[in-house]
Amino acid sequence: MPENRTKENSAVIKLAVVIFEPDRERHEPVVYLSGGPGQAARIESKGDIEEWWSFIDNGAWLRGRRLVVLDQRGAGLSEPSLSCSKHYSPAVWNGIISHANDPLDFELAQKREVEACRDDLIGKGIDLAAYNTSENAADIHDLRVALKIEKWVLFGISYGTKVALHVLEHHPQEIIAAVLDSTLPLDVNYVDHDAANLDRVLNKLDKDCAAHRDCRGGIGNIKALINEIVQQLDAEPMLLRLKKRTAQLCSRGCREPTFWN
């Protein structure tokens, strides 16, 4: 795929794609769009592939369909990878400190790691401006053409639903149906709207609780209670001591974030 479709002499990128073929194809293919953004589709190992086959076997609606699974641009096995493992500290991103006297400014530490990741990727000649939803959706269109598929079903989860909605907006004639799991609307910037969404949910929760005597009597004003807890923790953070084995497991098992625009 072209890395940046707005440039005439764009670099070329590669998408990692796995196609699961049914014994007999009876319905339109399905393309799976993972979340994140930047989340790998988990097609890297034999075990990953076996899990996908198990997923297909347990989904009656997938039988008789080709399932196309890809690592979206910048993620997983696709090239170039925007992974920044050498700039990633599990403890920083999971809020873990080794000693009670260690500084707790995780936000600053995370910012430094993201900036180091960005500078490293730019230094490799990667056009970070090209890693966005518009280009991602264009990849899905071009992939369908490359596979000579006339129409298919979009199956998106979380951020993948935003990619699916973008494809639906620009290429509706190619889509026979869409499955949207945990929808992220096109007009929502989930990072900028996080705080407002949380506030709206707390107000609704408090309103619903007020309508039930048993709920209100046991808790009181939910939003006020949560605000009080947050203020207490801001003033005096609660330190939880983890067993050594738990910390080790997290450092090995937590996936690093991918720098994605």
C-alpha atoms as a PDB file:
ATOM      1  CA  MET A   1       0.000   0.000   0.000  1.00  0.00           C
ATOM      2  CA  PRO A   2       1.142   3.625  -0.450  1.00  0.00           C
ATOM      3  CA  GLU A   3       2.153   5.056   2.899  1.00  0.00           C
ATOM      4  CA  ASN A   4       0.648   8.480   2.225  1.00  0.00           C
ATOM      5  CA  ARG A   5      -1.951   8.742  -0.544  1.00  0.00           C
ATOM      6  CA  THR A   6      -1.785  12.543  -0.495  1.00  0.00           C
ATOM      7  CA  LYS A   7       1.769  12.431  -1.887  1.00  0.00           C
ATOM      8  CA  GLU A   8       2.663  11.488  -5.457  1.00  0.00           C
ATOM      9  CA  ASN A   9       5.924   9.736  -4.627  1.00  0.00           C
ATOM     10  CA  SER A  10       4.810   8.073  -1.413  1.00  0.00           C
ATOM     11  CA  ALA A  11       6.796   5.293   0.180  1.00  0.00           C
ATOM     12  CA  VAL A  12       5.241   1.827   0.153  1.00  0.00           C
ATOM     13  CA  ILE A  13       4.152  -0.092   3.236  1.00  0.00           C
ATOM     14  CA  LYS A  14       3.228  -3.760   3.679  1.00  0.00           C
ATOM     15  CA  LEU A  15       0.164  -5.158   5.425  1.00  0.00           C
ATOM     16  CA  ALA A  16       0.256  -8.580   7.071  1.00  0.00           C
ATOM     17  CA  VAL A  17      -2.888 -10.507   6.070  1.00  0.00           C
ATOM     18  CA  VAL A  18      -4.163 -13.990   6.910  1.00  0.00           C
ATOM     19  CA  ILE A  19      -7.144 -15.498   5.069  1.00  0.00           C
ATOM     20  CA  PHE A  20      -9.104 -18.323   6.690  1.00  0.00           C
ATOM     21  CA  GLU A  21     -10.798 -20.350   3.961  1.00  0.00           C
ATOM     22  CA  PRO A  22     -14.010 -22.323   4.667  1.00  0.00           C
ATOM     23  CA  ASP A  23     -14.507 -25.879   3.396  1.00  0.00           C
ATOM     24  CA  ARG A  24     -17.195 -24.485   1.105  1.00  0.00           C
ATOM     25  CA  GLU A  25     -17.858 -20.786   0.595  1.00  0.00           C
ATOM     26  CA  ARG A  26     -21.578 -20.032   0.824  1.00  0.00           C
ATOM     27  CA  HIS A  27     -21.639 -16.386   1.952  1.00  0.00           C
ATOM     28  CA  GLU A  28     -19.757 -13.120   1.481  1.00  0.00           C
ATOM     29  CA  PRO A  29     -16.310 -12.858   3.118  1.00  0.00           C
ATOM     30  CA  VAL A  30     -15.722 -11.037   6.402  1.00  0.00           C
ATOM     31  CA  VAL A  31     -12.833  -8.664   7.138  1.00  0.00           C
ATOM     32  CA  TYR A  32     -11.878  -8.222  10.796  1.00  0.00           C
ATOM     33  CA  LEU A  33     -10.803  -4.766  12.007  1.00  0.00           C
ATOM     34  CA  SER A  34      -9.082  -4.739  15.390  1.00  0.00           C
ATOM     35  CA  GLY A  35      -9.134  -1.956  17.954  1.00  0.00           C
ATOM     36  CA  GLY A  36      -6.549   0.299  19.491  1.00  0.00           C
ATOM     37  CA  PRO A  37      -5.723   2.154  17.357  1.00  0.00           C
ATOM     38  CA  GLY A  38      -2.570   0.179  16.769  1.00  0.00           C
ATOM     39  CA  GLN A  39      -3.702  -3.126  18.256  1.00  0.00           C
ATOM     40  CA  ALA A  40      -2.246  -6.195  16.560  1.00  0.00           C
ATOM     41  CA  ALA A  41      -4.743  -8.748  15.270  1.00  0.00           C
ATOM     42  CA  ARG A  42      -2.723 -11.615  16.792  1.00  0.00           C
ATOM     43  CA  ILE A  43      -1.736 -13.540  13.682  1.00  0.00           C
ATOM     44  CA  GLU A  44       1.915 -13.917  14.631  1.00  0.00           C
ATOM     45  CA  SER A  45       2.166 -17.530  15.752  1.00  0.00           C
ATOM     46  CA  LYS A  46       0.716 -20.995  15.248  1.00  0.00           C
ATOM     47  CA  GLY A  47      -1.128 -20.573  18.553  1.00  0.00           C
ATOM     48  CA  ASP A  48      -2.662 -17.301  17.345  1.00  0.00           C
ATOM     49  CA  ILE A  49      -3.907 -18.976  14.162  1.00  0.00           C
ATOM     50  CA  GLU A  50      -5.381 -21.872  16.139  1.00  0.00           C
ATOM     51  CA  GLU A  51      -7.270 -19.377  18.314  1.00  0.00           C
ATOM     52  CA  TRP A  52      -8.741 -17.783  15.203  1.00  0.00           C
ATOM     53  CA  TRP A  53      -9.872 -21.192  13.933  1.00  0.00           C
ATOM     54  CA  SER A  54     -11.498 -21.815  17.320  1.00  0.00           C
ATOM     55  CA  PHE A  55     -13.219 -18.429  17.087  1.00  0.00           C
ATOM     56  CA  ILE A  56     -14.581 -19.345  13.660  1.00  0.00           C
ATOM     57  CA  ASP A  57     -15.732 -22.772  14.828  1.00  0.00           C
ATOM     58  CA  ASN A  58     -17.671 -21.187  17.691  1.00  0.00           C
ATOM     59  CA  GLY A  59     -19.344 -18.559  15.497  1.00  0.00           C
ATOM     60  CA  ALA A  60     -22.163 -19.983  13.421  1.00  0.00           C
ATOM     61  CA  TRP A  61     -22.415 -16.756  11.379  1.00  0.00           C
ATOM     62  CA  LEU A  62     -18.779 -17.175  10.243  1.00  0.00           C
ATOM     63  CA  ARG A  63     -19.249 -20.639   8.797  1.00  0.00           C
ATOM     64  CA  GLY A  64     -19.185 -20.734   5.032  1.00  0.00           C
ATOM     65  CA  ARG A  65     -17.323 -17.429   4.853  1.00  0.00           C
ATOM     66  CA  ARG A  66     -13.746 -16.443   4.197  1.00  0.00           C
ATOM     67  CA  LEU A  67     -12.397 -14.509   7.160  1.00  0.00           C
ATOM     68  CA  VAL A  68      -9.751 -11.922   6.306  1.00  0.00           C
ATOM     69  CA  VAL A  69      -7.651 -10.838   9.296  1.00  0.00           C
ATOM     70  CA  LEU A  70      -5.020  -8.141   8.968  1.00  0.00           C
ATOM     71  CA  ASP A  71      -2.601  -6.169  11.046  1.00  0.00           C
ATOM     72  CA  GLN A  72      -3.521  -2.583  10.252  1.00  0.00           C
ATOM     73  CA  ARG A  73      -0.781  -0.212   9.135  1.00  0.00           C
ATOM     74  CA  GLY A  74       1.904   0.279  11.758  1.00  0.00           C
ATOM     75  CA  ALA A  75       0.711  -2.627  13.910  1.00  0.00           C
ATOM     76  CA  GLY A  76       1.717  -6.241  14.473  1.00  0.00           C
ATOM     77  CA  LEU A  77       3.559  -7.838  11.555  1.00  0.00           C
ATOM     78  CA  SER A  78       2.774  -5.026   9.109  1.00  0.00           C
ATOM     79  CA  GLU A  79       5.758  -2.972   7.923  1.00  0.00           C
ATOM     80  CA  PRO A  80       6.956  -0.573   9.062  1.00  0.00           C
ATOM     81  CA  SER A  81       6.063  -1.291  12.666  1.00  0.00           C
ATOM     82  CA  LEU A  82       5.344   1.664  14.925  1.00  0.00           C
ATOM     83  CA  SER A  83       6.094  -0.394  18.008  1.00  0.00           C
ATOM     84  CA  CYS A  84       8.494   1.277  20.422  1.00  0.00           C
ATOM     85  CA  SER A  85       9.492  -1.513  22.781  1.00  0.00           C
ATOM     86  CA  LYS A  86      12.910  -0.035  23.524  1.00  0.00           C
ATOM     87  CA  HIS A  87      11.258   3.185  24.753  1.00  0.00           C
ATOM     88  CA  TYR A  88       8.616   1.342  26.760  1.00  0.00           C
ATOM     89  CA  SER A  89       8.776   0.795  30.519  1.00  0.00           C
ATOM     90  CA  PRO A  90       5.965  -1.493  31.778  1.00  0.00           C
ATOM     91  CA  ALA A  91       6.190  -0.043  35.278  1.00  0.00           C
ATOM     92  CA  VAL A  92       5.648   3.517  33.994  1.00  0.00           C
ATOM     93  CA  TRP A  93       2.549   2.603  31.963  1.00  0.00           C
ATOM     94  CA  ASN A  94       1.062   0.390  34.671  1.00  0.00           C
ATOM     95  CA  GLY A  95       1.693   2.807  37.528  1.00  0.00           C
ATOM     96  CA  ILE A  96       4.128   0.562  39.396  1.00  0.00           C
ATOM     97  CA  ILE A  97       6.963   1.862  41.590  1.00  0.00           C
ATOM     98  CA  SER A  98       9.711  -0.126  43.281  1.00  0.00           C
ATOM     99  CA  HIS A  99       9.941   1.937  46.452  1.00  0.00           C
ATOM    100  CA  ALA A 100       7.511   4.117  48.385  1.00  0.00           C
ATOM    101  CA  ASN A 101       9.867   7.095  48.006  1.00  0.00           C
ATOM    102  CA  ASP A 102       9.925   6.920  44.188  1.00  0.00           C
ATOM    103  CA  PRO A 103       8.310   9.877  42.346  1.00  0.00           C
ATOM    104  CA  LEU A 104       4.732   9.316  41.166  1.00  0.00           C
ATOM    105  CA  ASP A 105       4.727  11.568  38.088  1.00  0.00           C
ATOM    106  CA  PHE A 106       3.828   8.794  35.653  1.00  0.00           C
ATOM    107  CA  GLU A 107       2.273  11.271  33.217  1.00  0.00           C
ATOM    108  CA  LEU A 108       5.589  13.060  32.708  1.00  0.00           C
ATOM    109  CA  ALA A 109       7.458   9.763  32.354  1.00  0.00           C
ATOM    110  CA  GLN A 110       4.931   8.526  29.789  1.00  0.00           C
ATOM    111  CA  LYS A 111       5.222  11.778  27.831  1.00  0.00           C
ATOM    112  CA  ARG A 112       8.999  11.395  27.648  1.00  0.00           C
ATOM    113  CA  GLU A 113       8.701   7.825  26.384  1.00  0.00           C
ATOM    114  CA  VAL A 114       6.156   8.789  23.718  1.00  0.00           C
ATOM    115  CA  GLU A 115       8.341  11.688  22.564  1.00  0.00           C
ATOM    116  CA  ALA A 116      11.377   9.397  22.373  1.00  0.00           C
ATOM    117  CA  CYS A 117       9.310   6.903  20.363  1.00  0.00           C
ATOM    118  CA  ARG A 118       8.107   9.637  17.987  1.00  0.00           C
ATOM    119  CA  ASP A 119      11.611  10.974  17.402  1.00  0.00           C
ATOM    120  CA  ASP A 120      12.938   7.471  16.786  1.00  0.00           C
ATOM    121  CA  LEU A 121      10.241   6.682  14.193  1.00  0.00           C
ATOM    122  CA  ILE A 122      10.716   9.990  12.391  1.00  0.00           C
ATOM    123  CA  GLY A 123      14.444   9.309  12.343  1.00  0.00           C
ATOM    124  CA  LYS A 124      13.713   6.073  10.464  1.00  0.00           C
ATOM    125  CA  GLY A 125      11.966   8.063   7.733  1.00  0.00           C
ATOM    126  CA  ILE A 126       8.431   7.014   8.718  1.00  0.00           C
ATOM    127  CA  ASP A 127       5.743   9.545   7.761  1.00  0.00           C
ATOM    128  CA  LEU A 128       3.722   9.541  10.986  1.00  0.00           C
ATOM    129  CA  ALA A 129       1.079  11.837   9.467  1.00  0.00           C
ATOM    130  CA  ALA A 130       0.049   8.921   7.217  1.00  0.00           C
ATOM    131  CA  TYR A 131      -0.959   6.652  10.091  1.00  0.00           C
ATOM    132  CA  ASN A 132      -4.547   7.719  10.567  1.00  0.00           C
ATOM    133  CA  THR A 133      -8.100   6.463  10.120  1.00  0.00           C
ATOM    134  CA  SER A 134      -8.509   7.831   6.593  1.00  0.00           C
ATOM    135  CA  GLU A 135      -5.462   5.951   5.274  1.00  0.00           C
ATOM    136  CA  ASN A 136      -6.437   2.896   7.297  1.00  0.00           C
ATOM    137  CA  ALA A 137      -9.871   2.799   5.668  1.00  0.00           C
ATOM    138  CA  ALA A 138      -8.313   3.292   2.220  1.00  0.00           C
ATOM    139  CA  ASP A 139      -6.138   0.236   2.948  1.00  0.00           C
ATOM    140  CA  ILE A 140      -9.289  -1.826   3.531  1.00  0.00           C
ATOM    141  CA  HIS A 141     -10.723  -0.695   0.200  1.00  0.00           C
ATOM    142  CA  ASP A 142      -7.497  -1.490  -1.662  1.00  0.00           C
ATOM    143  CA  LEU A 143      -7.206  -4.854   0.086  1.00  0.00           C
ATOM    144  CA  ARG A 144     -10.680  -5.839  -1.120  1.00  0.00           C
ATOM    145  CA  VAL A 145      -9.681  -4.910  -4.670  1.00  0.00           C
ATOM    146  CA  ALA A 146      -6.399  -6.854  -4.408  1.00  0.00           C
ATOM    147  CA  LEU A 147      -8.258  -9.958  -3.199  1.00  0.00           C
ATOM    148  CA  LYS A 148     -10.817  -9.608  -6.029  1.00  0.00           C
ATOM    149  CA  ILE A 149     -13.686  -9.614  -3.547  1.00  0.00           C
ATOM    150  CA  GLU A 150     -16.824  -7.938  -4.904  1.00  0.00           C
ATOM    151  CA  LYS A 151     -18.521  -7.284  -1.554  1.00  0.00           C
ATOM    152  CA  TRP A 152     -17.782  -8.246   1.999  1.00  0.00           C
ATOM    153  CA  VAL A 153     -18.847  -7.841   5.636  1.00  0.00           C
ATOM    154  CA  LEU A 154     -17.015  -5.424   7.916  1.00  0.00           C
ATOM    155  CA  PHE A 155     -16.444  -6.730  11.449  1.00  0.00           C
ATOM    156  CA  GLY A 156     -14.986  -4.006  13.665  1.00  0.00           C
ATOM    157  CA  ILE A 157     -14.271  -3.882  17.389  1.00  0.00           C
ATOM    158  CA  SER A 158     -13.744  -0.621  19.320  1.00  0.00           C
ATOM    159  CA  TYR A 159     -11.476   1.578  17.147  1.00  0.00           C
ATOM    160  CA  GLY A 160     -12.044  -0.930  14.348  1.00  0.00           C
ATOM    161  CA  THR A 161     -15.669   0.269  14.219  1.00  0.00           C
ATOM    162  CA  LYS A 162     -14.425   3.759  13.382  1.00  0.00           C
ATOM    163  CA  VAL A 163     -12.452   2.350  10.460  1.00  0.00           C
ATOM    164  CA  ALA A 164     -15.541   0.381   9.388  1.00  0.00           C
ATOM    165  CA  LEU A 165     -17.748   3.487   9.538  1.00  0.00           C
ATOM    166  CA  HIS A 166     -15.185   5.386   7.457  1.00  0.00           C
ATOM    167  CA  VAL A 167     -15.253   2.625   4.817  1.00  0.00           C
ATOM    168  CA  LEU A 168     -19.065   2.661   4.871  1.00  0.00           C
ATOM    169  CA  GLU A 169     -19.046   6.422   4.349  1.00  0.00           C
ATOM    170  CA  HIS A 170     -16.701   6.367   1.352  1.00  0.00           C
ATOM    171  CA  HIS A 171     -17.317   2.940  -0.224  1.00  0.00           C
ATOM    172  CA  PRO A 172     -20.848   1.835   0.772  1.00  0.00           C
ATOM    173  CA  GLN A 173     -21.337  -0.113  -2.466  1.00  0.00           C
ATOM    174  CA  GLU A 174     -18.642  -2.583  -1.384  1.00  0.00           C
ATOM    175  CA  ILE A 175     -20.282  -3.552   1.903  1.00  0.00           C
ATOM    176  CA  ILE A 176     -23.034  -6.143   2.266  1.00  0.00           C
ATOM    177  CA  ALA A 177     -23.254  -5.749   6.074  1.00  0.00           C
ATOM    178  CA  ALA A 178     -21.333  -4.429   9.065  1.00  0.00           C
ATOM    179  CA  VAL A 179     -20.895  -5.760  12.591  1.00  0.00           C
ATOM    180  CA  LEU A 180     -19.925  -2.976  14.995  1.00  0.00           C
ATOM    181  CA  ASP A 181     -18.854  -4.077  18.467  1.00  0.00           C
ATOM    182  CA  SER A 182     -18.366  -1.183  20.962  1.00  0.00           C
ATOM    183  CA  THR A 183     -18.954   1.537  18.371  1.00  0.00           C
ATOM    184  CA  LEU A 184     -16.709   4.590  18.150  1.00  0.00           C
ATOM    185  CA  PRO A 185     -18.585   7.199  16.061  1.00  0.00           C
ATOM    186  CA  LEU A 186     -16.746   9.151  13.377  1.00  0.00           C
ATOM    187  CA  ASP A 187     -17.468  12.494  15.024  1.00  0.00           C
ATOM    188  CA  VAL A 188     -16.008  11.460  18.394  1.00  0.00           C
ATOM    189  CA  ASN A 189     -12.390  12.035  19.374  1.00  0.00           C
ATOM    190  CA  TYR A 190     -12.323   9.557  22.208  1.00  0.00           C
ATOM    191  CA  VAL A 191      -9.206  11.044  23.809  1.00  0.00           C
ATOM    192  CA  ASP A 192     -10.614  14.576  23.945  1.00  0.00           C
ATOM    193  CA  HIS A 193     -14.053  13.348  25.053  1.00  0.00           C
ATOM    194  CA  ASP A 194     -12.962  10.947  27.797  1.00  0.00           C
ATOM    195  CA  ALA A 195     -13.511  13.351  30.695  1.00  0.00           C
ATOM    196  CA  ALA A 196     -16.871  14.637  29.408  1.00  0.00           C
ATOM    197  CA  ASN A 197     -18.093  11.082  28.794  1.00  0.00           C
ATOM    198  CA  LEU A 198     -17.128  10.006  32.297  1.00  0.00           C
ATOM    199  CA  ASP A 199     -18.917  13.027  33.754  1.00  0.00           C
ATOM    200  CA  ARG A 200     -22.046  12.254  31.707  1.00  0.00           C
ATOM    201  CA  VAL A 201     -22.032   8.612  32.790  1.00  0.00           C
ATOM    202  CA  LEU A 202     -21.623   9.541  36.465  1.00  0.00           C
ATOM    203  CA  ASN A 203     -24.539  11.994  36.227  1.00  0.00           C
ATOM    204  CA  LYS A 204     -26.728   9.332  34.638  1.00  0.00           C
ATOM    205  CA  LEU A 205     -25.677   6.735  37.193  1.00  0.00           C
ATOM    206  CA  ASP A 206     -26.455   9.123  40.024  1.00  0.00           C
ATOM    207  CA  LYS A 207     -29.857   9.965  38.499  1.00  0.00           C
ATOM    208  CA  ASP A 208     -30.738   6.287  38.074  1.00  0.00           C
ATOM    209  CA  CYS A 209     -29.624   5.527  41.631  1.00  0.00           C
ATOM    210  CA  ALA A 210     -31.750   8.382  42.987  1.00  0.00           C
ATOM    211  CA  ALA A 211     -34.818   6.713  41.502  1.00  0.00           C
ATOM    212  CA  HIS A 212     -34.295   3.630  43.698  1.00  0.00           C
ATOM    213  CA  ARG A 213     -34.533   4.053  47.452  1.00  0.00           C
ATOM    214  CA  ASP A 214     -32.309   1.074  48.256  1.00  0.00           C
ATOM    215  CA  CYS A 215     -29.521   2.413  46.052  1.00  0.00           C
ATOM    216  CA  ARG A 216     -29.566   5.987  47.346  1.00  0.00           C
ATOM    217  CA  GLY A 217     -29.892   4.925  50.976  1.00  0.00           C
ATOM    218  CA  GLY A 218     -26.778   2.789  50.907  1.00  0.00           C
ATOM    219  CA  ILE A 219     -24.492   5.043  48.900  1.00  0.00           C
ATOM    220  CA  GLY A 220     -25.726   8.620  48.863  1.00  0.00           C
ATOM    221  CA  ASN A 221     -24.721  10.917  45.999  1.00  0.00           C
ATOM    222  CA  ILE A 222     -22.522   8.716  43.775  1.00  0.00           C
ATOM    223  CA  LYS A 223     -20.805  11.507  41.876  1.00  0.00           C
ATOM    224  CA  ALA A 224     -20.003  13.407  45.062  1.00  0.00           C
ATOM    225  CA  LEU A 225     -18.657  10.227  46.615  1.00  0.00           C
ATOM    226  CA  ILE A 226     -16.383   9.529  43.633  1.00  0.00           C
ATOM    227  CA  ASN A 227     -15.150  13.130  43.584  1.00  0.00           C
ATOM    228  CA  GLU A 228     -14.325  12.892  47.269  1.00  0.00           C
ATOM    229  CA  ILE A 229     -12.367   9.671  46.734  1.00  0.00           C
ATOM    230  CA  VAL A 230     -10.427  11.206  43.817  1.00  0.00           C
ATOM    231  CA  GLN A 231      -9.525  14.283  45.876  1.00  0.00           C
ATOM    232  CA  GLN A 232      -8.352  12.087  48.747  1.00  0.00           C
ATOM    233  CA  LEU A 233      -6.166   9.990  46.460  1.00  0.00           C
ATOM    234  CA  ASP A 234      -4.750  13.093  44.760  1.00  0.00           C
ATOM    235  CA  ALA A 235      -3.776  14.489  48.151  1.00  0.00           C
ATOM    236  CA  GLU A 236      -2.502  11.189  49.525  1.00  0.00           C
ATOM    237  CA  PRO A 237      -1.997   8.427  46.911  1.00  0.00           C
ATOM    238  CA  MET A 238      -2.645   4.893  48.051  1.00  0.00           C
ATOM    239  CA  LEU A 239       0.399   2.660  47.670  1.00  0.00           C
ATOM    240  CA  LEU A 240      -0.291  -1.017  47.057  1.00  0.00           C
ATOM    241  CA  ARG A 241       2.610  -3.375  47.591  1.00  0.00           C
ATOM    242  CA  LEU A 242       2.740  -6.035  44.887  1.00  0.00           C
ATOM    243  CA  LYS A 243       4.340  -9.402  45.344  1.00  0.00           C
ATOM    244  CA  LYS A 244       7.517  -9.747  43.302  1.00  0.00           C
ATOM    245  CA  ARG A 245       6.034 -12.444  41.060  1.00  0.00           C
ATOM    246  CA  THR A 246       3.035 -10.235  40.157  1.00  0.00           C
ATOM    247  CA  ALA A 247       5.293  -7.367  39.095  1.00  0.00           C
ATOM    248  CA  GLN A 248       7.447  -9.718  37.017  1.00  0.00           C
ATOM    249  CA  LEU A 249       4.419 -11.132  35.225  1.00  0.00           C
ATOM    250  CA  CYS A 250       3.203  -7.649  34.378  1.00  0.00           C
ATOM    251  CA  SER A 251       6.582  -6.572  33.059  1.00  0.00           C
ATOM    252  CA  ARG A 252       6.635  -9.579  30.726  1.00  0.00           C
ATOM    253  CA  GLY A 253       2.982  -9.789  29.789  1.00  0.00           C
ATOM    254  CA  CYS A 254       1.815  -6.190  29.373  1.00  0.00           C
ATOM    255  CA  ARG A 255       1.947  -5.098  25.746  1.00  0.00           C
ATOM    256  CA  GLU A 256       3.681  -1.853  24.934  1.00  0.00           C
ATOM    257  CA  PRO A 257       1.624   0.963  23.394  1.00  0.00           C
ATOM    258  CA  THR A 258       2.096   1.730  19.721  1.00  0.00           C
ATOM    259  CA  PHE A 259       2.696   5.331  18.644  1.00  0.00           C
ATOM    260  CA  TRP A 260      -0.283   6.053  16.439  1.00  0.00           C
ATOM    261  CA  ASN A 261      -1.747   9.324  15.149  1.00  0.00           C
END
